[in-house]
Protein backbone atom coordinates (compact mmCIF):
# COMPACT_ATOMS: atom_id res chain seq x y z
CA MET A 1 93.96 102.63 118.70
CA ASN A 2 93.02 100.27 115.76
CA ALA A 3 93.39 101.46 112.22
CA ASN A 4 89.94 102.47 111.54
CA ALA A 5 90.26 104.75 114.49
CA PHE A 6 93.05 106.37 113.35
CA TRP A 7 92.05 107.68 109.81
CA ASP A 8 88.48 108.42 111.13
CA VAL A 9 90.34 111.12 113.43
CA ILE A 10 92.01 111.92 110.35
CA GLY A 11 88.68 112.55 108.36
CA ILE A 12 86.88 114.72 110.92
CA TYR A 13 89.95 116.48 111.27
CA ASN A 14 90.95 117.08 107.74
CA GLN A 15 87.02 118.23 106.77
CA GLU A 16 86.75 120.43 109.55
CA THR A 17 89.76 122.13 109.36
CA CYS A 18 90.77 122.60 105.72
CA VAL A 19 90.72 126.29 104.74
CA ILE A 20 92.73 127.00 108.16
CA GLN A 21 94.77 124.20 107.03
CA ILE A 22 95.52 126.29 103.35
CA ALA A 23 95.83 129.71 105.80
CA PHE A 24 98.76 127.49 107.53
CA VAL A 25 100.61 126.36 104.56
CA LEU A 26 100.72 129.88 102.73
CA ALA A 27 101.81 131.24 105.74
CA ILE A 28 104.62 129.08 106.00
CA ILE A 29 105.52 129.72 102.62
CA PHE A 30 105.23 133.51 103.05
CA GLY A 31 107.01 133.35 106.32
CA LEU A 32 109.78 131.49 105.51
CA ILE A 33 110.74 133.63 102.30
CA TYR A 34 110.47 136.75 104.30
CA ALA A 35 112.55 135.74 106.96
CA TYR A 36 115.26 134.33 104.94
CA PHE A 37 115.20 137.66 102.70
CA LYS A 38 114.99 140.24 105.54
CA HIS A 39 116.70 137.97 108.00
CA LYS A 40 114.16 137.65 110.66
CA TYR A 41 114.98 134.37 111.91
CA TRP A 42 112.61 134.36 114.55
CA ILE A 43 109.46 134.09 112.32
CA PRO A 44 110.07 130.52 111.25
CA LYS A 45 110.31 129.59 114.86
CA ILE A 46 106.86 131.70 115.84
CA ILE A 47 105.44 129.92 112.85
CA LEU A 48 106.57 126.58 113.93
CA SER A 49 105.01 127.38 117.34
CA ILE A 50 101.58 128.39 116.10
CA VAL A 51 101.22 125.50 114.26
CA ASN A 52 102.11 122.88 116.58
CA LEU A 53 100.17 124.42 119.45
CA PHE A 54 97.17 124.03 116.89
CA ILE A 55 97.89 119.87 116.27
CA GLY A 56 97.98 119.79 119.96
CA ILE A 57 94.80 121.44 120.80
CA THR A 58 93.00 120.80 117.92
CA PHE A 59 94.14 117.27 116.12
CA PHE A 60 94.34 115.32 119.69
CA LEU A 61 92.31 117.51 122.45
CA ILE A 62 89.32 118.18 120.58
CA TYR A 63 88.99 115.37 117.83
CA GLY A 64 91.06 113.12 119.29
CA THR A 65 89.65 109.88 120.84
CA GLU A 66 92.36 107.67 122.48
CA PRO A 67 93.95 108.31 125.90
CA ILE A 68 97.47 108.43 124.58
CA GLN A 69 96.34 111.17 122.56
CA TYR A 70 95.40 113.44 125.24
CA TYR A 71 97.61 112.22 127.95
CA PHE A 72 100.98 111.89 125.53
CA ALA A 73 100.37 113.52 121.86
CA ALA A 74 98.70 116.52 122.94
CA PRO A 75 101.33 117.92 125.78
CA LEU A 76 104.09 116.93 123.13
CA PHE A 77 102.71 118.66 120.53
CA ILE A 78 101.72 121.86 122.85
CA LEU A 79 104.93 121.62 124.57
CA THR A 80 106.82 121.25 121.89
CA GLY A 81 104.76 124.81 120.62
CA ILE A 82 105.40 126.46 124.04
CA LEU A 83 109.56 125.55 123.73
CA PHE A 84 109.22 127.25 120.27
CA ILE A 85 107.48 130.59 121.13
CA TYR A 86 110.54 130.87 124.38
CA ASP A 87 113.43 129.88 122.05
CA ALA A 88 112.17 132.94 119.15
CA ILE A 89 111.96 135.42 122.08
CA LYS A 90 115.05 134.05 124.15
CA LYS A 91 117.45 133.85 120.94
CA PRO A 92 115.93 135.74 117.84
CA ASN A 93 119.04 136.38 116.25
CA ILE A 94 120.60 132.74 116.03
CA SER A 95 120.71 132.63 112.05
CA MET A 96 120.06 129.48 109.87
CA ASN A 97 122.33 127.64 107.30
CA PRO A 98 121.51 127.27 104.08
CA PHE A 99 119.97 124.09 102.65
CA GLY A 100 122.34 121.41 102.02
CA VAL A 101 121.70 117.91 100.34
CA ILE A 102 119.92 116.00 103.06
CA HIS A 103 117.69 119.02 103.70
CA TYR A 104 116.46 119.32 99.93
CA ILE A 105 115.94 115.53 100.21
CA LEU A 106 114.16 115.60 103.31
CA LEU A 107 111.79 118.31 102.23
CA ALA A 108 111.22 116.40 99.00
CA LEU A 109 110.02 113.37 100.86
CA ILE A 110 107.51 115.59 103.04
CA ILE A 111 106.59 117.53 100.49
CA SER A 112 105.35 114.00 98.53
CA TYR A 113 103.45 113.19 101.63
CA PRO A 114 100.01 113.94 100.54
CA PHE A 115 100.70 112.32 97.09
CA ILE A 116 102.26 108.95 98.16
CA SER A 117 99.24 109.00 100.77
CA PHE A 118 96.96 109.24 97.61
CA LEU A 119 99.06 106.39 96.24
CA LEU A 120 98.77 104.18 98.57
CA GLY A 121 95.40 104.42 98.31
CA HIS A 122 93.71 107.32 100.46
CA SER A 123 91.49 109.94 99.51
CA PHE A 124 90.45 113.55 101.46
CA PRO A 125 89.54 113.42 103.90
CA LYS A 126 91.09 110.17 104.79
CA MET A 127 94.38 110.85 103.88
CA VAL A 128 97.91 112.52 105.04
CA VAL A 129 97.98 116.10 104.47
CA TRP A 130 100.77 118.34 105.17
CA ILE A 131 99.26 120.28 108.63
CA MET A 132 98.99 117.08 110.29
CA PRO A 133 101.02 115.86 113.03
CA CYS A 134 103.30 113.92 111.27
CA PRO A 135 104.42 116.07 108.36
CA PHE A 136 104.20 118.75 110.45
CA ILE A 137 106.76 117.14 112.60
CA SER A 138 108.91 116.14 109.64
CA PHE A 139 109.03 119.69 108.76
CA SER A 140 109.40 121.17 111.89
CA ILE A 141 112.71 118.55 112.41
CA LEU A 142 114.53 119.84 108.92
CA ILE A 143 113.54 124.03 109.32
CA TYR A 144 114.77 123.28 113.06
CA SER A 145 118.12 121.69 111.54
CA LEU A 146 119.33 124.89 109.66
CA TYR A 147 119.45 126.43 113.16
CA LYS A 148 123.41 127.00 114.05
CA GLN A 149 122.19 126.90 117.95
CA LYS A 150 119.03 125.01 118.94
CA ASN A 151 117.41 123.66 122.46
CA ILE A 152 118.08 120.44 123.04
CA LEU A 153 114.58 119.76 124.59
CA ILE A 154 112.90 121.14 121.50
CA LEU A 155 115.06 118.52 119.33
CA ILE A 156 113.89 115.82 122.21
CA LEU A 157 110.78 116.09 121.87
CA LEU A 158 110.79 116.59 117.69
CA THR A 159 112.74 113.44 117.97
CA ILE A 160 110.47 111.28 119.91
CA TRP A 161 107.47 111.93 117.98
CA GLY A 162 109.57 111.26 114.88
CA LEU A 163 110.63 107.82 115.73
CA THR A 164 106.58 106.75 116.64
CA GLY A 165 106.79 107.00 112.39
CA VAL A 166 107.13 103.05 113.54
CA LYS A 167 103.69 102.89 113.50
CA SER A 168 103.13 103.32 109.85
CA PHE A 169 103.96 99.38 109.60
CA PHE A 170 100.59 98.94 112.03
CA PHE A 171 98.35 101.57 110.88
CA ASN A 172 98.25 100.93 106.89
CA ALA A 173 100.18 104.77 106.97
CA TYR A 174 103.38 103.70 105.24
CA GLU A 175 103.74 107.86 104.41
CA ASP A 176 104.97 107.85 108.21
CA ILE A 177 107.93 106.29 107.37
CA ILE A 178 109.09 109.51 106.09
CA LEU A 179 108.22 110.69 109.84
CA LEU A 180 110.86 107.60 110.91
CA ILE A 181 113.28 108.95 108.03
CA CYS A 182 113.19 112.30 109.80
CA GLY A 183 112.98 110.80 113.67
CA PHE A 184 116.44 109.30 112.84
CA TYR A 185 117.91 112.66 111.33
CA GLY A 186 117.03 114.13 114.95
CA ILE A 187 118.92 111.60 116.56
CA ALA A 188 121.76 112.85 115.15
CA LEU A 189 120.96 116.02 115.24
CA ILE A 190 120.93 115.49 118.94
CA ILE A 191 124.27 113.74 119.36
CA GLU A 192 125.82 116.59 117.23
CA GLU A 193 124.65 119.61 119.40
CA ILE A 194 125.28 117.33 122.71
CA ASN A 195 129.00 117.01 121.20
CA MET A 196 129.02 121.11 120.06
CA ILE A 197 128.21 121.51 123.94
CA LYS A 198 130.52 118.88 125.22
CA GLY A 199 132.95 120.91 123.05
CA ASP A 200 132.15 124.50 124.53
CA ASN A 201 132.72 123.31 127.96
CA GLN A 202 135.93 121.89 127.29
CA SER A 203 137.02 125.26 125.73
CA GLU A 204 136.04 127.10 128.61
CA ILE A 205 138.09 124.90 131.05
């Protein structure tokens, strides 16, 4: 996939889904606030599920033009969305840790995504906005990192896409360095989760 095709897909997607993208952003804000104050910790997982499914189906299957979008990206996002639903149903009461310094830094970077895209010379609709694959996977990594217990397969899928941020150097999408940073954070979360599982297993022996 060349850089022009990459930005063409983004342009069409943004033009035709801008209203639903705004609705998703509002749902995310109000959903997280409600979950925090009412301790309904399953709500963020449902939101992450719905948006990941939407991106997988809409961005990659409907607007996609390349085999890698159909056979790699779409299945990854759709599977991630399904697993978030499963996690929400299976473990609805797993609580969330409060934001730490690293979370605030990542949140600031993710919020800055469209502004950095604009400063890099892109303009709407051919610019990176929040309800797109890379910013939203970054956001998914951030929010899921707050849960005290995580599904390691979800972490692996999120991190795989996070590491595709390396493409920022090939498609003139330097804003996706943020995605790569979140991908490295995903690796740290996977290692942490594996060590926690090992510790639990040893304590049972």
